[in-house]
Amino acid sequence: MADLKLALAKNSILIGGVDIVEQKLNSIALKDDVDINENPDILKALTDIKKEMRVRIGTILKTDNVSFLFGAGASMIAGGILLGKIPEVIEKELLFRGYKNGLRLARWLKLFYEIVSKISNTDYNAKDRYGILYNVQRSTDDVRIGVNFEELLSHICMLFSAVNIYGNKLILKEDGQADLVAEKKHLVQLKNELVSQLVSQCSLPKIEISKGLETHIKFIKKILTRPLNLRRANIFTLNYDTLIEQASDTSGVVLVDGFIGNVKRVFRPESYDLDFYFPAQTTEGRVHRFDRALHLYKLHGSINWYSDEQSWENPYGLTCNNSGKIETGRDVIIYPSPLKYGQTLGLPYSELFRRFCTSISQPQSVLFVIGYGFGDDHVNALIHQSLSIPSFSLVIVDPYPGSSFVNKLIESKDERVIVIKGSELGDFTKFAEDLLPDIEQEDVQIKVTKTYNALKMVNNSSTME
């Protein structure tokens, strides 16, 4: 049935490889030729499934070790972009800055197209790309260059490291012929341009999106309803934006983000081992745990992290500016790949991933993966490793999961793996609204329902007498 297929395209929940939405809809008599939004059978079935999933996810959230992993898809609601290909908005800005009126081509921009041509085995040049991207009558086909933006940054960083070792110019040869010539100054210009554009696009939420923070705020408020006797929830993110920080500020939440300091905030990962308590209003000397605190780990760095001189007080050479203003002229610290380009880059990166690995490999752990396309092998390897622990659970939220990693998980029919997909349920906003429960509210509702049912039974028995 057309309406059944449409319902499954929007709402799909796989548990152990079995789609419980499809199973439920197949078990009821569906009406023909009725729009999905007006079909009472489908609407009731979907409502029931959402209630059941809220209970299941609420139970999972009461696991002692709960972690969340965010990818780029979680930021799109606030105007974020996907980096699986060269974002069109970034390439157009590069052309605007480096290809003046189609007459003068900056050497760094020429180098950009030479590098993406090598990575993709496809010839690209500024003139052709300008004609494609700025053609007002162009087709609606996806014209983005099929090179992962973070992979591109990784290659440029590797070339930059090689130039630093061997001199001011790097010549890559193939079959004895000069295949790529990269001068240090042009690599520096190209790297700065790319990072600058990335920072600009990751400055979220975009001004035109007035409700860009609402989903993140709702998400944070709900996960804070976990019982206080459990460990703090961990939020790991591969994104460079500061949406989580902004949403936390709006919600009055304290984020333990690895930085300490008042005048100058420096990266000290031992701060993750701290917690917050306050004295109770009694004379018994008891203390209460502060309920509005979360741990945040930015695995790939952030647009508000900057390199600084390494010192005894700042061993990692990292500072953080939480003012909300981007500091121009300073080296923004982002880690596009697990490759180590130096001590300053390697140590924070490895420390953050060590804590990610520790968090999801403990007994009774659950990891919610939201908006991540499983494109990073080093992240996938850690998740795969955790699946060897019998008490580990994995919940994937993605509207269109297409990676081979997720497909293998589905094919394994592992009951510990839940995949929530579809244009509605797989969307971060819909997940936060419809499936992520407010545990306190759910607990109250359960108690009210039990009391109501008990009173109903008493009334029925008295009536029978």
Foldseek 3Di string as FASTA:
>chain_A
DVLLVQLCQAWFKAFLLDTVLNVQVVVDDWDPPDHNVPTVSSVVSVQVVLVVLQVVVLVLLLFQFEEEEEEQLQQVLLQADAQQFPDLVLVVVVLVVAQPVVPGGDPLQQQLQLLLCVVQVHHDDSVVVCCASPPPPHDPDDPTRRHRLLVSLVVLLVVLLVCVVPHQWDFDDDPRHGSHIDGNVSSVVNNLSSLVSLLVSQLTRDPVNPCSLVLLLLLLLQSLLHDPVGDAYEYEYQGAHCSNVVSLVVVVAAEQEQWDDDVWTAGHNVSVVDFDWAFDPDPPRDIGGDRRYHYYYHLFAYQQKFAADDDPVHNLRITGDPPSDRDPPTHGGTHSAQDDSDSSNNVSNVVSVVVVLVSQQDARYEYEYAHDQPPHPVVLVSVVVSVVHVNYAYEYQAADHDDPSVVVSSVSSHSRYMYIYHSQCSRSSNCSVRNRDNSVVVVVVVVVVVVVVVVVVVVVVVVVD
